[in-house]
Protein backbone atom coordinates (compact mmCIF):
# COMPACT_ATOMS: atom_id res chain seq x y z
CA MET A 1 0.05 0.07 0.16
CA LEU A 2 2.76 2.29 0.89
CA LYS A 3 4.65 1.17 -2.36
CA GLY A 4 1.88 1.81 -4.52
CA GLN A 5 1.27 5.69 -3.02
CA LYS A 6 5.16 6.16 -3.03
CA LEU A 7 4.77 5.40 -6.68
CA CYS A 8 1.69 7.75 -7.35
CA THR A 9 3.27 10.55 -5.36
CA PRO A 10 4.96 13.20 -7.47
CA GLU A 11 8.72 14.13 -6.97
CA TYR A 12 9.04 18.16 -6.24
CA LYS A 13 12.89 17.17 -4.90
CA GLY A 14 14.57 19.54 -7.76
CA ASP A 15 11.47 22.12 -8.45
CA PRO A 16 11.07 24.27 -5.56
CA ALA A 17 8.09 26.15 -7.17
CA ALA A 18 6.17 23.14 -6.40
CA HIS A 19 6.37 23.67 -2.68
CA GLY A 20 5.10 27.66 -3.61
CA GLY A 21 8.80 29.09 -3.63
CA ALA A 22 10.08 31.55 -6.27
CA PRO A 23 10.52 29.39 -9.44
CA SER A 24 14.62 29.39 -10.01
CA MET A 25 16.94 29.06 -12.78
CA SER A 26 20.29 26.32 -12.95
CA HIS A 27 23.71 27.72 -13.32
CA ASN A 28 23.87 26.60 -16.69
CA ASP A 29 20.76 27.86 -18.23
CA THR A 30 21.72 31.28 -16.24
CA ARG A 31 24.77 31.45 -18.63
CA SER A 32 22.88 30.63 -21.62
CA PHE A 33 20.04 33.20 -21.08
CA PHE A 34 22.97 35.95 -20.56
CA SER A 35 24.90 34.88 -23.83
CA PHE A 36 21.52 35.16 -25.55
CA SER A 37 20.87 38.73 -24.38
CA GLN A 38 24.18 39.60 -25.31
CA LEU A 39 24.06 38.41 -28.76
CA SER A 40 19.92 40.03 -29.06
CA LEU A 41 21.29 43.40 -27.86
CA SER A 42 24.24 43.22 -30.13
CA SER A 43 22.54 41.61 -33.10
CA GLY A 44 22.75 44.98 -35.01
CA ASN A 45 26.24 45.38 -35.46
CA LEU A 46 27.04 41.85 -36.46
CA LYS A 47 28.78 41.38 -39.98
CA PRO A 48 29.01 37.91 -41.86
CA PRO A 49 32.41 36.92 -42.02
CA GLN A 50 34.63 38.21 -44.40
CA VAL A 51 35.38 35.93 -47.45
CA LEU A 52 39.18 35.81 -48.54
CA LYS A 53 39.26 36.19 -52.47
CA HIS A 54 41.82 34.20 -53.79
CA SER A 55 42.30 36.31 -57.52
CA LYS A 56 44.27 35.20 -60.42
CA ILE A 57 46.50 37.69 -61.67
CA THR A 58 46.32 37.92 -65.61
CA TYR A 59 49.56 38.10 -67.50
CA PHE A 60 49.49 39.89 -71.28
CA GLU A 61 51.05 38.94 -74.07
CA VAL A 62 52.96 41.94 -76.12
CA GLU A 63 53.36 41.21 -79.67
CA ILE A 64 55.62 43.70 -81.39
CA LEU A 65 55.26 43.94 -85.30
CA ASP A 66 57.76 46.11 -87.64
CA VAL A 67 55.86 49.27 -88.77
CA GLN A 68 56.64 48.97 -92.08
CA SER A 69 56.99 45.09 -92.99
CA LYS A 70 54.12 44.16 -90.39
CA LYS A 71 56.55 41.69 -89.23
CA GLN A 72 56.61 40.11 -86.07
CA ILE A 73 59.95 41.10 -84.09
CA CYS A 74 59.08 39.14 -81.00
CA ILE A 75 56.51 38.22 -78.49
CA VAL A 76 56.94 40.07 -74.89
CA ASP A 77 55.15 37.52 -72.73
CA LYS A 78 54.22 37.39 -68.95
CA VAL A 79 53.38 41.01 -68.66
CA PRO A 80 51.45 42.05 -65.51
CA PRO A 81 48.78 44.11 -65.46
CA SER A 82 50.99 46.57 -63.27
CA SER A 83 53.50 47.12 -65.91
CA THR A 84 54.11 50.10 -68.22
CA LEU A 85 55.55 50.60 -71.57
CA LEU A 86 59.10 51.20 -70.23
CA ASP A 87 58.94 47.95 -68.96
CA VAL A 88 57.93 46.10 -71.69
CA LYS A 89 60.85 48.13 -73.70
CA HIS A 90 63.38 46.91 -71.26
CA LYS A 91 62.09 43.40 -72.16
CA PHE A 92 62.21 44.10 -75.63
CA HIS A 93 65.79 45.03 -75.39
CA LYS A 94 66.73 41.84 -73.67
CA ALA A 95 64.96 39.55 -76.58
CA CYS A 96 66.62 42.10 -79.26
CA PRO A 97 69.57 43.77 -77.83
CA GLN A 98 70.64 45.83 -80.38
CA TRP A 99 67.51 48.00 -79.74
CA TYR A 100 68.12 50.21 -76.72
CA PRO A 101 64.79 51.15 -74.60
CA SER A 102 65.57 55.01 -75.35
CA ARG A 103 65.31 54.12 -79.35
CA VAL A 104 62.30 52.02 -79.62
CA GLY A 105 58.94 53.87 -80.47
CA LEU A 106 55.87 51.86 -79.97
CA GLN A 107 52.13 52.58 -81.44
CA LEU A 108 48.86 51.54 -81.49
CA GLU A 109 48.43 51.94 -84.84
CA ARG A 110 50.80 52.28 -87.49
CA ASN A 111 50.06 55.77 -88.56
CA GLY A 112 49.24 56.46 -85.01
CA PRO A 113 51.29 58.44 -82.01
CA TYR A 114 54.13 56.98 -80.25
CA LEU A 115 53.09 56.31 -76.78
CA LYS A 116 54.32 57.26 -73.95
CA ASP A 117 56.76 55.02 -71.39
CA SER A 118 54.51 56.11 -68.50
CA ILE A 119 51.22 54.42 -69.82
CA SER A 120 50.05 51.07 -68.53
CA ILE A 121 49.86 48.35 -70.47
CA GLN A 122 46.71 47.38 -68.68
CA SER A 123 45.02 50.61 -70.45
CA LEU A 124 46.13 49.52 -73.73
CA ALA A 125 44.69 45.97 -73.60
CA VAL A 126 41.23 45.00 -75.12
CA SER A 127 41.84 41.14 -74.95
CA SER A 128 45.24 39.37 -73.46
CA ILE A 129 47.18 39.89 -76.56
CA ILE A 130 48.68 43.43 -77.46
CA THR A 131 49.90 44.23 -80.76
CA LEU A 132 51.92 47.19 -80.99
CA TYR A 133 54.02 48.24 -84.09
CA PHE A 134 58.12 49.26 -83.33
CA THR A 135 59.77 52.19 -85.04
CA ASP A 136 63.44 52.62 -84.43
CA LEU A 137 63.76 55.91 -83.51
CA GLY A 138 67.67 56.03 -83.71
CA GLN A 139 67.53 55.63 -87.41
CA GLN A 140 64.68 58.69 -87.47
CA PHE A 141 67.07 61.05 -85.75
CA PHE A 142 69.62 60.22 -88.09
CA LEU A 143 68.21 60.59 -91.16
CA THR A 144 66.60 64.00 -89.66
CA GLU A 145 70.49 64.97 -88.69
CA TYR A 146 71.59 64.56 -92.50
CA THR A 147 68.45 65.52 -94.77
CA GLY A 148 68.85 69.10 -93.40
CA PRO A 149 72.75 69.53 -94.33
CA LEU A 150 71.16 68.28 -97.65
CA LEU A 151 68.48 70.58 -98.19
CA ILE A 152 70.00 74.03 -96.54
CA TYR A 153 73.16 73.62 -99.02
CA LEU A 154 70.83 73.52 -101.77
CA PHE A 155 68.73 76.71 -100.70
CA PHE A 156 72.14 78.38 -100.46
CA TYR A 157 73.20 77.11 -104.07
CA ILE A 158 70.11 78.21 -106.00
CA ARG A 159 71.40 81.97 -104.47
CA LEU A 160 68.13 82.91 -103.18
CA SER A 161 66.91 86.51 -103.26
CA THR A 162 66.27 86.40 -99.70
CA ILE A 163 69.92 85.85 -99.07
CA TYR A 164 71.90 87.18 -101.51
CA ASP A 165 71.60 90.92 -103.36
CA HIS A 166 69.95 90.07 -106.66
CA VAL A 167 72.13 92.28 -108.80
CA GLU A 168 75.35 90.60 -107.44
CA THR A 169 73.76 87.04 -108.19
CA LYS A 170 73.17 88.26 -111.88
CA LYS A 171 76.66 90.06 -112.46
CA ASN A 172 79.07 87.87 -110.80
CA PHE A 173 79.91 84.61 -113.11
CA ARG A 174 80.03 81.21 -110.78
CA HIS A 175 83.29 79.30 -111.02
CA PRO A 176 83.48 75.31 -111.51
CA VAL A 177 84.16 74.82 -108.18
CA VAL A 178 81.16 76.12 -106.66
CA HIS A 179 79.07 73.67 -108.88
CA LEU A 180 81.64 70.93 -107.71
CA ALA A 181 81.55 71.48 -104.12
CA CYS A 182 78.03 71.48 -104.08
CA PHE A 183 77.86 68.12 -106.16
CA CYS A 184 80.56 66.44 -103.37
CA HIS A 185 78.58 68.04 -100.37
CA CYS A 186 75.34 66.81 -101.57
CA LEU A 187 77.11 63.46 -102.36
CA HIS A 188 78.48 62.96 -98.84
CA TYR A 189 75.40 63.32 -96.96
CA ILE A 190 73.19 61.14 -99.46
CA ARG A 191 75.84 58.36 -98.96
CA ARG A 192 75.31 58.87 -94.99
CA LEU A 193 71.12 58.74 -95.84
CA LEU A 194 71.71 55.66 -97.90
CA GLU A 195 74.20 54.00 -95.30
CA THR A 196 71.46 54.75 -92.25
CA LEU A 197 68.77 53.47 -94.43
CA PHE A 198 70.75 50.40 -95.74
CA VAL A 199 73.97 49.44 -94.02
CA HIS A 200 74.29 50.95 -90.48
CA LYS A 201 72.82 49.28 -87.50
CA PHE A 202 73.12 51.86 -84.90
CA SER A 203 73.96 50.53 -81.12
CA GLY A 204 74.05 52.82 -78.13
CA GLY A 205 72.49 53.54 -74.75
CA HIS A 206 72.16 57.02 -75.43
CA THR A 207 69.13 59.91 -75.26
CA PRO A 208 68.54 59.86 -79.02
CA LEU A 209 65.85 63.42 -78.73
CA LYS A 210 69.02 65.02 -76.53
CA ASN A 211 71.87 63.57 -79.42
CA MET A 212 69.37 64.98 -82.60
CA ILE A 213 69.24 68.13 -81.03
CA LYS A 214 72.95 68.45 -80.62
CA GLY A 215 74.04 67.06 -84.06
CA CYS A 216 71.58 68.96 -85.93
CA ALA A 217 72.39 72.56 -84.45
CA PHE A 218 76.24 71.26 -85.26
CA TYR A 219 75.61 70.12 -88.63
CA TRP A 220 73.12 72.38 -89.82
CA GLY A 221 74.83 75.66 -88.09
CA PHE A 222 77.77 74.38 -89.88
CA THR A 223 76.39 73.88 -93.65
CA SER A 224 74.72 77.02 -93.41
CA TRP A 225 77.72 78.92 -92.61
CA ILE A 226 79.75 76.76 -95.43
CA ALA A 227 76.80 77.37 -97.89
CA TYR A 228 76.74 81.19 -97.51
CA TYR A 229 80.53 81.81 -98.10
CA ILE A 230 81.07 79.20 -101.04
CA ASN A 231 77.87 80.13 -102.98
CA HIS A 232 78.51 83.57 -102.06
CA PRO A 233 78.75 86.15 -105.63
CA ARG A 234 81.69 87.45 -104.27
CA TYR A 235 83.26 84.29 -103.80
CA THR A 236 86.92 83.57 -105.03
CA PRO A 237 88.07 80.25 -106.16
CA PRO A 238 91.17 78.37 -104.78
CA THR A 239 94.56 79.60 -105.23
CA PHE A 240 96.40 77.29 -107.43
CA GLY A 241 93.44 77.08 -109.66
CA TYR A 242 92.06 73.79 -111.49
CA ARG A 243 95.15 71.57 -110.44
CA GLN A 244 94.04 72.33 -106.70
CA VAL A 245 90.30 71.76 -107.18
CA SER A 246 90.85 68.20 -109.14
CA PHE A 247 93.33 66.97 -106.93
CA ALA A 248 91.57 67.34 -103.73
CA ALA A 249 88.15 66.57 -105.54
CA LEU A 250 89.98 63.16 -106.32
CA VAL A 251 90.91 62.50 -103.25
CA PHE A 252 87.53 63.46 -101.86
CA LEU A 253 85.90 60.81 -104.25
CA MET A 254 88.49 58.38 -102.89
CA CYS A 255 87.64 58.73 -99.24
CA GLU A 256 84.09 58.32 -99.90
CA ALA A 257 84.44 55.40 -101.51
CA GLY A 258 86.64 54.12 -98.89
CA ASN A 259 84.54 55.17 -96.11
CA HIS A 260 81.53 53.62 -97.75
CA PHE A 261 83.42 50.17 -98.13
CA ILE A 262 84.52 50.13 -94.63
CA ASN A 263 80.66 50.91 -93.33
CA VAL A 264 79.41 48.02 -95.77
CA ALA A 265 82.18 45.75 -94.48
CA LEU A 266 81.64 46.70 -90.46
CA ALA A 267 78.04 45.86 -91.41
CA HIS A 268 78.54 42.47 -92.54
CA GLN A 269 80.46 41.47 -89.64
CA ASN A 270 77.51 42.64 -87.49
CA HIS A 271 75.14 40.85 -89.42
CA SER A 272 77.05 37.78 -89.39
CA GLY A 273 76.78 37.71 -85.95
CA ILE A 274 81.05 37.56 -85.65
CA LYS A 275 81.47 39.94 -82.75
CA SER A 276 84.31 38.19 -81.05
CA CYS A 277 86.29 39.12 -83.87
CA ILE A 278 88.53 42.41 -84.67
CA PRO A 279 87.41 44.12 -87.94
CA SER A 280 89.53 42.85 -90.48
CA PRO A 281 89.89 43.86 -94.09
CA THR A 282 88.63 42.25 -97.37
CA TYR A 283 89.35 41.38 -100.64
CA ASN A 284 88.13 45.06 -101.64
CA PRO A 285 91.48 47.34 -101.42
CA PHE A 286 89.59 50.25 -99.54
CA THR A 287 89.15 48.18 -96.68
CA TRP A 288 93.13 47.07 -96.53
CA LEU A 289 93.50 50.25 -94.27
CA PHE A 290 92.39 47.89 -91.40
CA PHE A 291 95.70 46.55 -91.78
CA LEU A 292 97.19 50.05 -90.53
CA VAL A 293 94.77 51.64 -88.09
CA SER A 294 91.98 50.25 -85.84
CA CYS A 295 89.06 52.95 -86.98
CA PRO A 296 89.48 53.26 -90.92
CA ASN A 297 86.29 54.63 -91.37
CA TYR A 298 86.92 57.85 -88.94
CA THR A 299 90.30 58.08 -91.18
CA TYR A 300 88.37 58.14 -94.73
CA GLU A 301 85.78 60.96 -92.87
CA VAL A 302 88.49 63.10 -92.14
CA GLY A 303 90.34 62.72 -95.31
CA SER A 304 86.84 63.71 -96.78
CA TRP A 305 86.61 66.52 -94.87
CA ILE A 306 90.31 67.88 -95.26
CA SER A 307 90.30 67.32 -99.04
CA PHE A 308 86.84 69.68 -99.16
CA THR A 309 88.62 72.11 -97.33
CA VAL A 310 91.27 72.15 -99.98
CA MET A 311 89.06 72.27 -102.84
CA THR A 312 86.99 75.20 -101.65
CA GLN A 313 89.58 77.22 -99.52
CA THR A 314 87.17 78.62 -97.25
CA LEU A 315 87.54 79.26 -93.52
CA PRO A 316 84.01 77.95 -92.61
CA VAL A 317 85.35 74.62 -93.87
CA GLY A 318 88.22 74.75 -92.54
CA ILE A 319 86.89 75.10 -88.88
CA PHE A 320 84.39 72.39 -89.66
CA ALA A 321 87.09 70.06 -90.66
CA PHE A 322 88.88 70.74 -87.66
CA LEU A 323 86.33 70.20 -85.41
CA MET A 324 85.57 66.77 -87.04
CA VAL A 325 89.42 65.97 -86.49
CA ILE A 326 89.21 66.41 -83.00
CA GLN A 327 85.84 64.65 -82.67
CA MET A 328 86.84 61.38 -84.95
CA SER A 329 90.19 61.26 -83.02
CA LEU A 330 88.24 61.02 -79.92
CA TRP A 331 86.11 58.16 -80.98
CA ALA A 332 88.85 56.44 -82.52
CA GLN A 333 90.85 56.32 -79.41
CA LYS A 334 88.11 55.00 -77.50
CA LYS A 335 87.33 52.11 -79.77
CA HIS A 336 91.09 51.35 -79.91
CA ARG A 337 91.53 51.21 -76.39
CA LEU A 338 88.63 48.62 -76.25
CA TYR A 339 90.56 46.47 -79.07
CA LEU A 340 93.34 46.63 -77.39
CA LYS A 341 91.68 44.91 -74.04
CA ARG A 342 90.29 42.28 -76.01
CA PHE A 343 92.54 41.60 -78.60
CA TYR A 344 95.64 42.62 -78.09
CA PRO A 345 98.13 40.79 -79.84
CA GLU A 346 96.19 41.70 -83.15
CA VAL A 347 95.98 45.66 -82.29
CA ARG A 348 99.00 46.39 -80.86
CA ARG A 349 100.79 47.36 -84.04
CA LYS A 350 98.11 49.34 -85.49
CA ALA A 351 97.26 53.26 -84.99
CA ALA A 352 93.79 54.57 -83.55
CA MET A 353 93.20 56.73 -86.48
CA ILE A 354 96.13 57.74 -88.44
CA PRO A 355 98.81 55.37 -89.47
CA ILE A 356 102.18 55.58 -87.36
CA ILE A 357 100.98 58.79 -85.81
CA PHE A 358 98.07 57.83 -83.51
């Protein structure tokens, strides 16, 4: 009986509220309720957890084409979006060492403007492959430098009325040396222009714009001075007449021919990839000067201007020839010292520019 009652009697052991007391919460429930309260109060400031984005870096390929032939020169790959055009030029120089960054002109279109070095590669990209057109700025600068003297001399040769007195121009007869001097002067610069286009491969880490300004000021200024005197209506012919003119003209033509054949020989050696050998003479007699000097092209250049001075017998040409001798001798000695370091046994008995002297 008691056992049955015990089974039916509800247990209030763990529940004080059953005895009329105030309801209470356990320790765990209190902690849970406190955490939930704090969570509810701060629910307005809840932010979703940040997701780390693993973005892929897209590299570009820059295809460089020749502006004239449209032939592919090279492809510069793995170019980051943050790169500038100058970075591409440096990579292009590594692939093609003969073109320094300062000489490289790049365009988006063949007839478009040259792009600035600071421009971002990403701003040029339409797809992952960027096509740019290459122009050798070094060649353009030399063409500008040599075209000026050719045209300036011809302006003075036709004796414009704005330069010379019209009455004196009609009175005075032109000596044949005036026509010969015009022919020789034009021949010299036409040869230079043709060699710039078809022979020379310029290599140097200079700043083309700076060199162009200096070169144009030097050549254009002296050409104006020289042409003014030789084509002046009061110009007097050389002292010894036709013998002096004929001899000087013959030497001039020989030096021009020698200079051309030396440049062709040097260009042929560079194109053949034989850069570890000293320049040597060929079967052409004009190249035999290599046996005596290290830089016969400078020897012939100096000979051309000295003979032109003798032929015209004018002070401006003499000053120009003197300055050319100084400049060519400095270049020749610099190159000669370089040859001595690399090819001492073959060069030690040679002179730099003038046989036996220096």
